[in-house]
Amino acid sequence: MNVQALRRFVQQEDLNFLLTNRVPRIALTRLMGRFSRIESPWLARLSIAVWRLFTDLDLSDAKQQRFASLHECFTRELVPGARTIDPDPSVFASPCDAIVGECGEVAGTTLFQAKGFPYQMGELFGPTQDSSPFRDGTYVTLRLTSAMYHRFHAPHDARLEHVTYLSGDTWNVNPIALQRVERLFCRNERAVLRMTLARGGHPVALVPVAAILVASLRLHALDVRLHLTYRGPNEMPCDATVAKGQELGWFEHGSTIIVFAPRGFALAPGIVRGARIRMGQELMRLPD
């Protein structure tokens, strides 16, 4: 069986769902976290070679080309200039490299993870967060595949004001699972990052959602790594001024970021389900 045939076999919907969800997800995720941090260059090379059998991993724009661990490869930095940040102050940029999932206007407080699978914004944000500023607003689901660049950045000049951590499950967040598991994003481990833009004082929110093998999130504004065994405070006020394109943190692997903006923000041309976007490109446009 050649590589392409092997990929097609593993990507069959029923088999993919079985392999990634009908397993002890949390235990497997913790095990993967420990394995990825083993410092062994030869083990890292072997793991990356296996990884490439199933993905289109491209390390040509990575700042370093040799990795002491799989974790170093997952969280790699890029060479300077590898991404261009749109300088237009009316542009709200993508915080990450991604494939666009469901997007558009929030219907009151209801949005979709996949066609026919609605969920409530308030449940995603958790009981302590006020989601009313985004009622009838605009949202975009950004899916980071395992092969993508996993760091995420400020979409605009802003002030990061609060982070809420919500523990949970680690369902896969690929399209196959999103079409089968109701309210999946509300079940998984996630964080809610609340920000206020310097231009217009608009509130925005980024909701990074964990997935199988990737229940770990690191934020620069808080000297803490959020993960399944985290036992610190769930509510973390902060006061960090960030510039457009400035790195906010990273995932340990591929996952999802759901972006929320209030009513009046418009999706950029070409932002539709299935489109690919890079960090720094236009995602939305601010109101006049």
C-alpha atoms as a PDB file:
ATOM      1  CA  MET A   1       0.000   0.000   0.000  1.00  0.00           C
ATOM      2  CA  ASN A   2       1.560   3.336  -1.047  1.00  0.00           C
ATOM      3  CA  VAL A   3       1.408   6.539   1.026  1.00  0.00           C
ATOM      4  CA  GLN A   4      -1.587   8.015  -0.806  1.00  0.00           C
ATOM      5  CA  ALA A   5      -3.570   4.784  -0.469  1.00  0.00           C
ATOM      6  CA  LEU A   6      -2.713   4.645   3.244  1.00  0.00           C
ATOM      7  CA  ARG A   7      -3.951   8.220   3.707  1.00  0.00           C
ATOM      8  CA  ARG A   8      -7.220   7.479   1.920  1.00  0.00           C
ATOM      9  CA  PHE A   9      -7.722   4.363   4.055  1.00  0.00           C
ATOM     10  CA  VAL A  10      -7.233   6.221   7.342  1.00  0.00           C
ATOM     11  CA  GLN A  11      -9.348   9.161   6.173  1.00  0.00           C
ATOM     12  CA  GLN A  12     -12.462   7.044   5.580  1.00  0.00           C
ATOM     13  CA  GLU A  13     -15.145   8.699   7.712  1.00  0.00           C
ATOM     14  CA  ASP A  14     -16.224   5.746   9.832  1.00  0.00           C
ATOM     15  CA  LEU A  15     -12.671   4.538  10.396  1.00  0.00           C
ATOM     16  CA  ASN A  16     -11.410   8.060  11.133  1.00  0.00           C
ATOM     17  CA  PHE A  17     -14.162   8.630  13.693  1.00  0.00           C
ATOM     18  CA  LEU A  18     -13.457   5.274  15.303  1.00  0.00           C
ATOM     19  CA  LEU A  19      -9.691   5.820  15.477  1.00  0.00           C
ATOM     20  CA  THR A  20      -9.879   9.356  16.869  1.00  0.00           C
ATOM     21  CA  ASN A  21     -12.950   9.297  19.109  1.00  0.00           C
ATOM     22  CA  ARG A  22     -13.798   5.741  20.232  1.00  0.00           C
ATOM     23  CA  VAL A  23     -10.592   5.588  22.233  1.00  0.00           C
ATOM     24  CA  PRO A  24      -9.685   6.782  25.762  1.00  0.00           C
ATOM     25  CA  ARG A  25      -9.250  10.357  24.496  1.00  0.00           C
ATOM     26  CA  ILE A  26      -8.029  12.097  27.646  1.00  0.00           C
ATOM     27  CA  ALA A  27      -5.566   9.348  28.589  1.00  0.00           C
ATOM     28  CA  LEU A  28      -4.221   9.254  25.040  1.00  0.00           C
ATOM     29  CA  THR A  29      -3.883  13.045  24.997  1.00  0.00           C
ATOM     30  CA  ARG A  30      -1.896  13.053  28.242  1.00  0.00           C
ATOM     31  CA  LEU A  31       0.324  10.261  26.933  1.00  0.00           C
ATOM     32  CA  MET A  32       0.951  12.182  23.714  1.00  0.00           C
ATOM     33  CA  GLY A  33       1.886  15.265  25.728  1.00  0.00           C
ATOM     34  CA  ARG A  34       4.536  13.311  27.623  1.00  0.00           C
ATOM     35  CA  PHE A  35       5.829  11.544  24.518  1.00  0.00           C
ATOM     36  CA  SER A  36       6.162  14.776  22.523  1.00  0.00           C
ATOM     37  CA  ARG A  37       8.461  16.261  25.180  1.00  0.00           C
ATOM     38  CA  ILE A  38      11.003  13.418  25.131  1.00  0.00           C
ATOM     39  CA  GLU A  39      14.260  15.040  24.071  1.00  0.00           C
ATOM     40  CA  SER A  40      15.823  12.749  21.521  1.00  0.00           C
ATOM     41  CA  PRO A  41      16.767  14.090  18.066  1.00  0.00           C
ATOM     42  CA  TRP A  42      16.587  10.650  16.426  1.00  0.00           C
ATOM     43  CA  LEU A  43      13.163   9.948  17.968  1.00  0.00           C
ATOM     44  CA  ALA A  44      12.000  13.381  16.816  1.00  0.00           C
ATOM     45  CA  ARG A  45      13.190  12.681  13.256  1.00  0.00           C
ATOM     46  CA  LEU A  46      11.452   9.296  13.240  1.00  0.00           C
ATOM     47  CA  SER A  47       8.207  10.770  14.610  1.00  0.00           C
ATOM     48  CA  ILE A  48       8.247  13.588  12.055  1.00  0.00           C
ATOM     49  CA  ALA A  49       8.805  11.049   9.247  1.00  0.00           C
ATOM     50  CA  VAL A  50       5.748   9.059  10.401  1.00  0.00           C
ATOM     51  CA  TRP A  51       3.772  12.293  10.792  1.00  0.00           C
ATOM     52  CA  ARG A  52       4.530  13.159   7.156  1.00  0.00           C
ATOM     53  CA  LEU A  53       2.954   9.896   6.008  1.00  0.00           C
ATOM     54  CA  PHE A  54      -0.467  11.205   7.049  1.00  0.00           C
ATOM     55  CA  THR A  55      -0.163  14.985   6.537  1.00  0.00           C
ATOM     56  CA  ASP A  56       1.334  17.573   4.210  1.00  0.00           C
ATOM     57  CA  LEU A  57       3.787  18.818   6.822  1.00  0.00           C
ATOM     58  CA  ASP A  58       5.929  21.636   5.399  1.00  0.00           C
ATOM     59  CA  LEU A  59       8.856  22.878   7.493  1.00  0.00           C
ATOM     60  CA  SER A  60      10.423  25.055   4.794  1.00  0.00           C
ATOM     61  CA  ASP A  61       9.471  28.285   6.612  1.00  0.00           C
ATOM     62  CA  ALA A  62      10.421  27.028  10.104  1.00  0.00           C
ATOM     63  CA  LYS A  63      13.007  29.054  11.991  1.00  0.00           C
ATOM     64  CA  GLN A  64      14.883  25.898  12.937  1.00  0.00           C
ATOM     65  CA  GLN A  65      15.214  22.744  10.883  1.00  0.00           C
ATOM     66  CA  ARG A  66      16.490  20.335  13.529  1.00  0.00           C
ATOM     67  CA  PHE A  67      14.341  19.491  16.536  1.00  0.00           C
ATOM     68  CA  ALA A  68      15.282  17.922  19.851  1.00  0.00           C
ATOM     69  CA  SER A  69      11.697  16.741  20.430  1.00  0.00           C
ATOM     70  CA  LEU A  70       8.388  16.402  18.652  1.00  0.00           C
ATOM     71  CA  HIS A  71       7.090  19.221  20.860  1.00  0.00           C
ATOM     72  CA  GLU A  72       9.692  21.586  19.373  1.00  0.00           C
ATOM     73  CA  CYS A  73       8.365  20.801  15.912  1.00  0.00           C
ATOM     74  CA  PHE A  74       4.716  21.221  16.950  1.00  0.00           C
ATOM     75  CA  THR A  75       5.383  24.658  18.458  1.00  0.00           C
ATOM     76  CA  ARG A  76       7.940  25.835  15.896  1.00  0.00           C
ATOM     77  CA  GLU A  77       8.496  29.504  15.152  1.00  0.00           C
ATOM     78  CA  LEU A  78       8.703  30.818  11.592  1.00  0.00           C
ATOM     79  CA  VAL A  79      11.539  32.650   9.889  1.00  0.00           C
ATOM     80  CA  PRO A  80      11.105  36.455  10.002  1.00  0.00           C
ATOM     81  CA  GLY A  81       8.888  37.674   7.195  1.00  0.00           C
ATOM     82  CA  ALA A  82       7.221  34.298   6.586  1.00  0.00           C
ATOM     83  CA  ARG A  83       3.818  35.919   7.202  1.00  0.00           C
ATOM     84  CA  THR A  84       2.676  39.395   6.135  1.00  0.00           C
ATOM     85  CA  ILE A  85       0.434  41.349   8.505  1.00  0.00           C
ATOM     86  CA  ASP A  86      -2.131  43.451   6.636  1.00  0.00           C
ATOM     87  CA  PRO A  87      -1.300  47.028   7.722  1.00  0.00           C
ATOM     88  CA  ASP A  88      -4.738  48.504   6.965  1.00  0.00           C
ATOM     89  CA  PRO A  89      -6.163  49.687  10.331  1.00  0.00           C
ATOM     90  CA  SER A  90      -9.673  48.772   9.204  1.00  0.00           C
ATOM     91  CA  VAL A  91      -8.615  45.149   8.661  1.00  0.00           C
ATOM     92  CA  PHE A  92      -9.143  42.581  11.404  1.00  0.00           C
ATOM     93  CA  ALA A  93      -6.506  39.975  10.591  1.00  0.00           C
ATOM     94  CA  SER A  94      -6.571  36.229  10.979  1.00  0.00           C
ATOM     95  CA  PRO A  95      -4.855  35.224  14.221  1.00  0.00           C
ATOM     96  CA  CYS A  96      -3.521  31.987  12.729  1.00  0.00           C
ATOM     97  CA  ASP A  97      -2.992  29.796   9.697  1.00  0.00           C
ATOM     98  CA  ALA A  98      -6.209  27.856   9.235  1.00  0.00           C
ATOM     99  CA  ILE A  99      -8.958  26.336   7.160  1.00  0.00           C
ATOM    100  CA  VAL A 100     -12.191  28.289   7.536  1.00  0.00           C
ATOM    101  CA  GLY A 101     -15.054  26.287   9.017  1.00  0.00           C
ATOM    102  CA  GLU A 102     -18.554  27.591   9.677  1.00  0.00           C
ATOM    103  CA  CYS A 103     -18.736  31.383   9.649  1.00  0.00           C
ATOM    104  CA  GLY A 104     -21.127  34.283   9.235  1.00  0.00           C
ATOM    105  CA  GLU A 105     -23.611  36.058  11.457  1.00  0.00           C
ATOM    106  CA  VAL A 106     -24.635  34.780  14.863  1.00  0.00           C
ATOM    107  CA  ALA A 107     -28.423  34.240  14.835  1.00  0.00           C
ATOM    108  CA  GLY A 108     -29.168  35.907  18.145  1.00  0.00           C
ATOM    109  CA  THR A 109     -27.039  33.624  20.329  1.00  0.00           C
ATOM    110  CA  THR A 110     -27.073  30.566  18.052  1.00  0.00           C
ATOM    111  CA  LEU A 111     -24.272  29.539  15.705  1.00  0.00           C
ATOM    112  CA  PHE A 112     -23.200  26.334  13.990  1.00  0.00           C
ATOM    113  CA  GLN A 113     -20.296  23.908  14.259  1.00  0.00           C
ATOM    114  CA  ALA A 114     -21.523  22.137  11.079  1.00  0.00           C
ATOM    115  CA  LYS A 115     -24.691  22.178   8.996  1.00  0.00           C
ATOM    116  CA  GLY A 116     -27.578  21.087  11.197  1.00  0.00           C
ATOM    117  CA  PHE A 117     -25.496  21.146  14.392  1.00  0.00           C
ATOM    118  CA  PRO A 118     -26.243  24.386  16.280  1.00  0.00           C
ATOM    119  CA  TYR A 119     -24.888  25.397  19.653  1.00  0.00           C
ATOM    120  CA  GLN A 120     -25.336  28.336  21.989  1.00  0.00           C
ATOM    121  CA  MET A 121     -22.739  31.038  22.349  1.00  0.00           C
ATOM    122  CA  GLY A 122     -23.380  31.306  26.085  1.00  0.00           C
ATOM    123  CA  GLU A 123     -22.636  27.623  26.624  1.00  0.00           C
ATOM    124  CA  LEU A 124     -19.363  27.947  24.719  1.00  0.00           C
ATOM    125  CA  PHE A 125     -18.291  30.978  26.771  1.00  0.00           C
ATOM    126  CA  GLY A 126     -19.187  29.341  30.068  1.00  0.00           C
ATOM    127  CA  PRO A 127     -21.274  30.536  33.034  1.00  0.00           C
ATOM    128  CA  THR A 128     -18.958  33.365  34.106  1.00  0.00           C
ATOM    129  CA  GLN A 129     -18.613  35.139  30.773  1.00  0.00           C
ATOM    130  CA  ASP A 130     -21.060  37.636  29.260  1.00  0.00           C
ATOM    131  CA  SER A 131     -21.526  36.802  25.586  1.00  0.00           C
ATOM    132  CA  SER A 132     -24.153  39.511  24.969  1.00  0.00           C
ATOM    133  CA  PRO A 133     -21.724  41.894  23.168  1.00  0.00           C
ATOM    134  CA  PHE A 134     -21.615  39.318  20.352  1.00  0.00           C
ATOM    135  CA  ARG A 135     -25.357  38.779  20.025  1.00  0.00           C
ATOM    136  CA  ASP A 136     -26.191  39.009  16.287  1.00  0.00           C
ATOM    137  CA  GLY A 137     -22.487  39.551  15.720  1.00  0.00           C
ATOM    138  CA  THR A 138     -20.001  37.859  13.398  1.00  0.00           C
ATOM    139  CA  TYR A 139     -18.042  34.666  13.955  1.00  0.00           C
ATOM    140  CA  VAL A 140     -15.469  32.567  12.126  1.00  0.00           C
ATOM    141  CA  THR A 141     -14.328  29.051  13.002  1.00  0.00           C
ATOM    142  CA  LEU A 142     -10.645  28.576  12.172  1.00  0.00           C
ATOM    143  CA  ARG A 143      -9.370  24.997  12.088  1.00  0.00           C
ATOM    144  CA  LEU A 144      -5.648  24.380  12.427  1.00  0.00           C
ATOM    145  CA  THR A 145      -4.619  21.021  11.037  1.00  0.00           C
ATOM    146  CA  SER A 146      -1.829  19.074  12.709  1.00  0.00           C
ATOM    147  CA  ALA A 147       0.636  20.044   9.956  1.00  0.00           C
ATOM    148  CA  MET A 148       0.041  23.792  10.249  1.00  0.00           C
ATOM    149  CA  TYR A 149       1.903  26.506  12.108  1.00  0.00           C
ATOM    150  CA  HIS A 150       0.422  26.331  15.634  1.00  0.00           C
ATOM    151  CA  ARG A 151       1.142  29.775  17.062  1.00  0.00           C
ATOM    152  CA  PHE A 152      -1.586  32.416  17.112  1.00  0.00           C
ATOM    153  CA  HIS A 153      -1.354  36.193  17.089  1.00  0.00           C
ATOM    154  CA  ALA A 154      -3.258  39.367  17.894  1.00  0.00           C
ATOM    155  CA  PRO A 155      -5.734  40.150  15.089  1.00  0.00           C
ATOM    156  CA  HIS A 156      -5.524  43.891  15.766  1.00  0.00           C
ATOM    157  CA  ASP A 157      -4.004  46.429  18.151  1.00  0.00           C
ATOM    158  CA  ALA A 158      -5.826  45.609  21.352  1.00  0.00           C
ATOM    159  CA  ARG A 159      -5.793  45.075  25.088  1.00  0.00           C
ATOM    160  CA  LEU A 160      -6.096  41.501  26.362  1.00  0.00           C
ATOM    161  CA  GLU A 161      -8.166  41.863  29.506  1.00  0.00           C
ATOM    162  CA  HIS A 162      -9.355  38.472  30.713  1.00  0.00           C
ATOM    163  CA  VAL A 163      -8.866  34.751  30.181  1.00  0.00           C
ATOM    164  CA  THR A 164     -11.343  32.092  31.318  1.00  0.00           C
ATOM    165  CA  TYR A 165     -10.216  28.468  31.317  1.00  0.00           C
ATOM    166  CA  LEU A 166     -12.870  25.747  30.912  1.00  0.00           C
ATOM    167  CA  SER A 167     -11.780  22.153  31.356  1.00  0.00           C
ATOM    168  CA  GLY A 168     -13.494  19.433  29.393  1.00  0.00           C
ATOM    169  CA  ASP A 169     -13.190  16.543  26.972  1.00  0.00           C
ATOM    170  CA  THR A 170     -10.852  16.128  24.000  1.00  0.00           C
ATOM    171  CA  TRP A 171     -13.056  15.115  21.073  1.00  0.00           C
ATOM    172  CA  ASN A 172     -11.461  15.429  17.659  1.00  0.00           C
ATOM    173  CA  VAL A 173     -12.533  18.711  16.024  1.00  0.00           C
ATOM    174  CA  ASN A 174     -12.208  17.609  12.406  1.00  0.00           C
ATOM    175  CA  PRO A 175     -15.235  17.930  10.049  1.00  0.00           C
ATOM    176  CA  ILE A 176     -16.164  14.259  10.492  1.00  0.00           C
ATOM    177  CA  ALA A 177     -16.603  14.643  14.256  1.00  0.00           C
ATOM    178  CA  LEU A 178     -18.317  18.038  13.928  1.00  0.00           C
ATOM    179  CA  GLN A 179     -21.012  16.371  11.810  1.00  0.00           C
ATOM    180  CA  ARG A 180     -21.623  13.650  14.397  1.00  0.00           C
ATOM    181  CA  VAL A 181     -21.132  15.029  17.919  1.00  0.00           C
ATOM    182  CA  GLU A 182     -23.621  17.672  19.025  1.00  0.00           C
ATOM    183  CA  ARG A 183     -22.305  20.792  20.817  1.00  0.00           C
ATOM    184  CA  LEU A 184     -18.771  19.449  20.444  1.00  0.00           C
ATOM    185  CA  PHE A 185     -17.020  22.791  20.983  1.00  0.00           C
ATOM    186  CA  CYS A 186     -18.976  23.263  24.229  1.00  0.00           C
ATOM    187  CA  ARG A 187     -17.820  19.860  25.504  1.00  0.00           C
ATOM    188  CA  ASN A 188     -14.099  20.230  24.829  1.00  0.00           C
ATOM    189  CA  GLU A 189     -11.439  21.926  26.894  1.00  0.00           C
ATOM    190  CA  ARG A 190     -11.144  25.583  25.883  1.00  0.00           C
ATOM    191  CA  ALA A 191     -10.217  29.098  26.899  1.00  0.00           C
ATOM    192  CA  VAL A 192     -12.018  32.395  26.321  1.00  0.00           C
ATOM    193  CA  LEU A 193      -9.754  35.366  25.591  1.00  0.00           C
ATOM    194  CA  ARG A 194     -11.547  38.705  25.921  1.00  0.00           C
ATOM    195  CA  MET A 195      -9.992  41.719  24.200  1.00  0.00           C
ATOM    196  CA  THR A 196     -10.853  45.352  23.450  1.00  0.00           C
ATOM    197  CA  LEU A 197      -9.592  46.836  20.204  1.00  0.00           C
ATOM    198  CA  ALA A 198      -7.631  50.075  20.331  1.00  0.00           C
ATOM    199  CA  ARG A 199      -9.595  51.306  17.295  1.00  0.00           C
ATOM    200  CA  GLY A 200     -13.206  52.000  18.219  1.00  0.00           C
ATOM    201  CA  GLY A 201     -13.093  50.195  21.558  1.00  0.00           C
ATOM    202  CA  HIS A 202     -14.810  47.173  20.022  1.00  0.00           C
ATOM    203  CA  PRO A 203     -14.951  44.008  22.171  1.00  0.00           C
ATOM    204  CA  VAL A 204     -13.695  40.809  20.518  1.00  0.00           C
ATOM    205  CA  ALA A 205     -13.153  37.276  21.760  1.00  0.00           C
ATOM    206  CA  LEU A 206     -10.947  34.395  20.711  1.00  0.00           C
ATOM    207  CA  VAL A 207     -11.949  30.928  21.902  1.00  0.00           C
ATOM    208  CA  PRO A 208      -9.157  28.375  21.396  1.00  0.00           C
ATOM    209  CA  VAL A 209     -10.639  24.868  21.627  1.00  0.00           C
ATOM    210  CA  ALA A 210      -8.525  21.824  22.454  1.00  0.00           C
ATOM    211  CA  ALA A 211      -8.849  18.435  20.779  1.00  0.00           C
ATOM    212  CA  ILE A 212      -7.546  14.894  21.039  1.00  0.00           C
ATOM    213  CA  LEU A 213      -3.731  14.918  21.452  1.00  0.00           C
ATOM    214  CA  VAL A 214      -3.772  18.707  21.927  1.00  0.00           C
ATOM    215  CA  ALA A 215      -5.141  19.663  25.349  1.00  0.00           C
ATOM    216  CA  SER A 216      -2.508  22.260  26.065  1.00  0.00           C
ATOM    217  CA  LEU A 217      -2.358  25.990  25.478  1.00  0.00           C
ATOM    218  CA  ARG A 218       0.369  28.490  26.338  1.00  0.00           C
ATOM    219  CA  LEU A 219      -0.274  32.240  26.613  1.00  0.00           C
ATOM    220  CA  HIS A 220       2.466  34.863  26.851  1.00  0.00           C
ATOM    221  CA  ALA A 221       0.314  37.307  28.847  1.00  0.00           C
ATOM    222  CA  LEU A 222      -0.084  34.733  31.623  1.00  0.00           C
ATOM    223  CA  ASP A 223       2.951  32.814  32.800  1.00  0.00           C
ATOM    224  CA  VAL A 224       0.993  29.579  32.795  1.00  0.00           C
ATOM    225  CA  ARG A 225       0.363  26.584  30.565  1.00  0.00           C
ATOM    226  CA  LEU A 226      -3.299  25.559  30.436  1.00  0.00           C
ATOM    227  CA  HIS A 227      -3.737  21.790  30.154  1.00  0.00           C
ATOM    228  CA  LEU A 228      -5.839  18.865  31.381  1.00  0.00           C
ATOM    229  CA  THR A 229      -4.080  18.584  34.751  1.00  0.00           C
ATOM    230  CA  TYR A 230      -4.084  22.356  35.379  1.00  0.00           C
ATOM    231  CA  ARG A 231      -5.336  23.108  38.900  1.00  0.00           C
ATOM    232  CA  GLY A 232      -4.899  26.863  39.035  1.00  0.00           C
ATOM    233  CA  PRO A 233      -7.583  29.577  38.910  1.00  0.00           C
ATOM    234  CA  ASN A 234     -10.127  29.403  36.094  1.00  0.00           C
ATOM    235  CA  GLU A 235     -10.615  33.169  35.948  1.00  0.00           C
ATOM    236  CA  MET A 236      -7.446  35.089  35.086  1.00  0.00           C
ATOM    237  CA  PRO A 237      -7.703  38.874  34.742  1.00  0.00           C
ATOM    238  CA  CYS A 238      -4.838  40.413  32.796  1.00  0.00           C
ATOM    239  CA  ASP A 239      -3.889  43.754  31.301  1.00  0.00           C
ATOM    240  CA  ALA A 240      -1.668  43.218  28.279  1.00  0.00           C
ATOM    241  CA  THR A 241      -1.398  45.653  25.394  1.00  0.00           C
ATOM    242  CA  VAL A 242      -0.751  43.783  22.152  1.00  0.00           C
ATOM    243  CA  ALA A 243       0.057  45.005  18.663  1.00  0.00           C
ATOM    244  CA  LYS A 244      -1.508  43.619  15.508  1.00  0.00           C
ATOM    245  CA  GLY A 245       0.372  40.459  14.566  1.00  0.00           C
ATOM    246  CA  GLN A 246       2.045  40.098  17.961  1.00  0.00           C
ATOM    247  CA  GLU A 247       2.259  36.502  19.138  1.00  0.00           C
ATOM    248  CA  LEU A 248      -0.302  35.644  21.830  1.00  0.00           C
ATOM    249  CA  GLY A 249       0.601  31.999  22.410  1.00  0.00           C
ATOM    250  CA  TRP A 250       0.477  28.576  20.851  1.00  0.00           C
ATOM    251  CA  PHE A 251      -1.201  25.189  20.723  1.00  0.00           C
ATOM    252  CA  GLU A 252       0.751  22.010  21.322  1.00  0.00           C
ATOM    253  CA  HIS A 253      -0.778  20.505  18.160  1.00  0.00           C
ATOM    254  CA  GLY A 254      -3.570  21.265  15.670  1.00  0.00           C
ATOM    255  CA  SER A 255      -6.928  22.537  16.938  1.00  0.00           C
ATOM    256  CA  THR A 256      -9.508  25.317  16.484  1.00  0.00           C
ATOM    257  CA  ILE A 257      -9.946  29.010  17.267  1.00  0.00           C
ATOM    258  CA  ILE A 258     -13.435  30.525  17.116  1.00  0.00           C
ATOM    259  CA  VAL A 259     -13.310  34.301  16.575  1.00  0.00           C
ATOM    260  CA  PHE A 260     -16.165  36.565  17.718  1.00  0.00           C
ATOM    261  CA  ALA A 261     -16.767  40.199  16.815  1.00  0.00           C
ATOM    262  CA  PRO A 262     -19.792  42.407  17.512  1.00  0.00           C
ATOM    263  CA  ARG A 263     -22.480  43.390  15.043  1.00  0.00           C
ATOM    264  CA  GLY A 264     -21.159  45.615  12.261  1.00  0.00           C
ATOM    265  CA  PHE A 265     -18.017  43.623  11.492  1.00  0.00           C
ATOM    266  CA  ALA A 266     -18.092  42.125   7.994  1.00  0.00           C
ATOM    267  CA  LEU A 267     -16.357  38.987   6.755  1.00  0.00           C
ATOM    268  CA  ALA A 268     -13.625  39.684   4.240  1.00  0.00           C
ATOM    269  CA  PRO A 269     -14.227  38.611   0.612  1.00  0.00           C
ATOM    270  CA  GLY A 270     -13.315  34.958   0.178  1.00  0.00           C
ATOM    271  CA  ILE A 271     -13.891  33.987   3.799  1.00  0.00           C
ATOM    272  CA  VAL A 272     -16.165  31.004   3.225  1.00  0.00           C
ATOM    273  CA  ARG A 273     -16.235  27.445   4.520  1.00  0.00           C
ATOM    274  CA  GLY A 274     -13.245  25.497   3.197  1.00  0.00           C
ATOM    275  CA  ALA A 275     -11.095  28.521   2.349  1.00  0.00           C
ATOM    276  CA  ARG A 276      -7.482  28.546   3.499  1.00  0.00           C
ATOM    277  CA  ILE A 277      -6.080  31.604   5.212  1.00  0.00           C
ATOM    278  CA  ARG A 278      -2.741  32.561   6.697  1.00  0.00           C
ATOM    279  CA  MET A 279      -2.007  34.493   9.833  1.00  0.00           C
ATOM    280  CA  GLY A 280      -2.063  38.233   9.120  1.00  0.00           C
ATOM    281  CA  GLN A 281      -4.407  38.110   6.128  1.00  0.00           C
ATOM    282  CA  GLU A 282      -7.738  39.916   6.175  1.00  0.00           C
ATOM    283  CA  LEU A 283     -10.391  37.990   8.097  1.00  0.00           C
ATOM    284  CA  MET A 284     -12.949  40.708   8.802  1.00  0.00           C
ATOM    285  CA  ARG A 285     -13.348  44.429   8.310  1.00  0.00           C
ATOM    286  CA  LEU A 286     -14.106  46.849  11.135  1.00  0.00           C
ATOM    287  CA  PRO A 287     -17.213  49.045  10.942  1.00  0.00           C
ATOM    288  CA  ASP A 288     -16.712  52.487   9.423  1.00  0.00           C
END
